Protein backbone atom coordinates (compact mmCIF):
# COMPACT_ATOMS: atom_id res chain seq x y z
CA MET A 1 -15.15 4.91 -16.75
CA LEU A 2 -12.35 6.57 -14.30
CA THR A 3 -9.30 5.43 -13.73
CA ILE A 4 -7.54 4.39 -11.34
CA GLU A 5 -5.89 7.47 -10.72
CA ASP A 6 -9.06 9.53 -10.53
CA GLN A 7 -10.58 7.66 -8.03
CA ILE A 8 -7.28 8.04 -6.10
CA LYS A 9 -7.94 11.77 -6.52
CA ALA A 10 -11.56 12.28 -6.37
CA THR A 11 -11.22 10.05 -2.57
CA ILE A 12 -8.20 12.24 -1.41
CA ASP A 13 -10.54 15.14 -2.70
CA LYS A 14 -12.75 13.70 -0.17
CA ILE A 15 -9.83 13.65 2.50
CA ARG A 16 -8.56 17.59 1.99
CA PRO A 17 -10.87 18.96 4.10
CA PHE A 18 -9.99 17.66 7.47
CA VAL A 19 -6.60 17.75 6.67
CA LEU A 20 -7.29 21.37 5.74
CA ARG A 21 -9.26 22.09 8.83
CA ASP A 22 -5.75 21.45 11.20
CA GLY A 23 -4.09 23.98 8.58
CA GLY A 24 -2.02 21.19 6.78
CA ASP A 25 -2.51 19.63 2.33
CA VAL A 26 -2.33 16.40 0.95
CA GLN A 27 -1.59 16.29 -3.23
CA PHE A 28 -1.56 13.01 -5.08
CA ASP A 29 2.11 12.37 -6.15
CA SER A 30 1.58 9.20 -7.84
CA PHE A 31 0.23 5.32 -7.81
CA VAL A 32 3.25 2.40 -8.28
CA ASP A 33 2.48 -0.79 -8.22
CA GLY A 34 -0.34 -0.52 -5.63
CA ILE A 35 1.34 2.58 -3.46
CA VAL A 36 0.45 5.55 -3.25
CA TYR A 37 2.48 8.57 -3.31
CA ILE A 38 1.71 11.78 -1.39
CA SER A 39 2.67 15.07 0.11
CA MET A 40 2.40 16.19 2.73
CA LEU A 41 2.04 19.68 2.80
CA GLY A 42 1.83 22.78 5.60
CA ALA A 43 1.38 22.19 8.90
CA CYS A 44 1.74 18.30 8.58
CA VAL A 45 5.30 18.90 7.40
CA GLY A 46 6.56 17.88 10.56
CA CYS A 47 4.16 17.19 12.68
CA SER A 48 4.87 14.64 15.31
CA LEU A 49 1.22 12.45 13.60
CA ILE A 50 1.78 12.88 10.43
CA ASP A 51 2.70 8.97 10.78
CA THR A 52 -1.24 8.17 12.28
CA THR A 53 -2.29 10.50 9.52
CA VAL A 54 -1.09 9.04 6.60
CA THR A 55 -1.32 5.23 7.66
CA GLY A 56 -4.42 5.42 10.08
CA GLY A 57 -6.08 7.79 8.01
CA ILE A 58 -5.79 8.33 4.63
CA GLU A 59 -4.08 4.90 3.80
CA VAL A 60 -7.14 2.75 4.98
CA ILE A 61 -9.66 5.59 3.09
CA LEU A 62 -8.06 4.72 0.28
CA MET A 63 -7.59 1.15 0.28
CA GLU A 64 -11.22 1.01 1.38
CA GLU A 65 -12.59 2.91 -1.47
CA VAL A 66 -10.45 2.14 -4.62
CA PRO A 67 -9.22 -1.41 -5.74
CA GLY A 68 -5.88 -2.07 -6.08
CA VAL A 69 -5.04 0.79 -3.82
CA LEU A 70 -2.37 -1.37 -1.68
CA GLY A 71 -0.52 1.25 0.49
CA VAL A 72 -0.08 4.49 1.04
CA ARG A 73 3.71 6.31 1.34
CA LEU A 74 5.00 9.48 1.65
CA VAL A 75 7.10 10.70 -1.67
CA GLU A 76 9.91 10.79 0.72
CA GLU A 77 10.08 7.34 0.99
CA LYS A 78 9.33 6.68 -2.58
CA PRO A 79 12.14 4.68 -4.17
CA ALA A 80 14.31 5.58 -6.88
CA LYS A 81 13.65 4.66 -10.60
């Protein structure tokens, strides 16, 4: 049986080709308390549409495909331990 993290990584792998097509990339960082933390790389860094990509695309897909995912945040927004 796949863990939640395995399911998240598999879903990100399905999303990745669409992000790569625009010169960016998405990388899984961690899953904490229902929140998936990701890094956006390449052309996504500094892009004015990054919020739309993360919350309107990646977050929606992960919440639909992986039970237990409550949201997606960028690593820069990750609370310190």
